[in-house]
Amino acid sequence: MVYSGFDTVTNEQVAIKYNEDVDRAMREADCYKHIQGLEGFPAWKSDWLDLRGKHYGGLAIGLLGPSLTTLVKEAEGKKLSLKTTLQAADQIITRIEALHQTGLVHRDVRPENFCIGFKESGKDGTVYMIDFDKSKGGSSPSRRDDMESAGYVFVYCLTGSLPWLGPLWSDSDQWKHKISLKDLCKGLPAEFKTYLSYCRSLEYTDKPDYAYCRRLFRDVFVREGYEEDDVYDWMSGSPPSNRE
């Protein structure tokens, strides 16, 4: 459960998250503390345990704007433009790389777990990574899965749907490899299929080539002749963009 709140000490709006799984709540709080100072991750404010009666853990972080899921649903045609998707993809890959460099993997990469900042703060062009209650560190978790899941986020942004999309994104795992990448990426620039093919080719313990992955989408950006202006579909006054 997530609520909006107000920090009376700093006079800032915050997001307050409660979790009845105390261990998971504290693990997420530890993750937020671990990644503090990294660009594109919300500020950790505080965390606590309530062990009276019904046990739960809670944490407070900086309040952010809407998620990619909301932005896609509210967009013209229920999908984002190619330009916006490419710019978001670049940021998302960078966020995942930064997280992996701290020794953590996210393990729940999906559109709901990426939000933009508030327009009033001038951060509506920044994509933030959130929700770390499934994150793990150490040598066991695979970085490959985060990167592959990001590819499905990119396809979702550009098309507005996925064949397995349902109430719970996590239930989609059994379907992902039953659908060919050729069908999944039909009508999209070839680099989307190339990206997912590369991710699927990685071994469980392989370190992804993040620079190569970013370059794939930057090549499309250049080929399409887009201007590097950090303008996204959701910004008021954004110029019309190509929605193929």
Foldseek 3Di string as FASTA:
>chain_A
DKDWDADPVVRAIKIKDKDLPAVLQVVQLVLLVLLPPDPQAWHWDAKDWDPPDRTMIMTITHDFAAWLLVVLCPFVVSAWALLQLLLVLLQLLVVLVSSVVSQKHQVQDARRQWTFGDVVVVTNLGIHGDDRSPMDGDQPFFSLVNQLNSLVRSLCRQNVDFPQDDPDPVVCVVVPVVDDLCVSQPPHPPLSSVSNVQSVPDDRRDDDPSVVNSVSSVVVCVVVPHDPPSDTRPDPPDDDHDRD
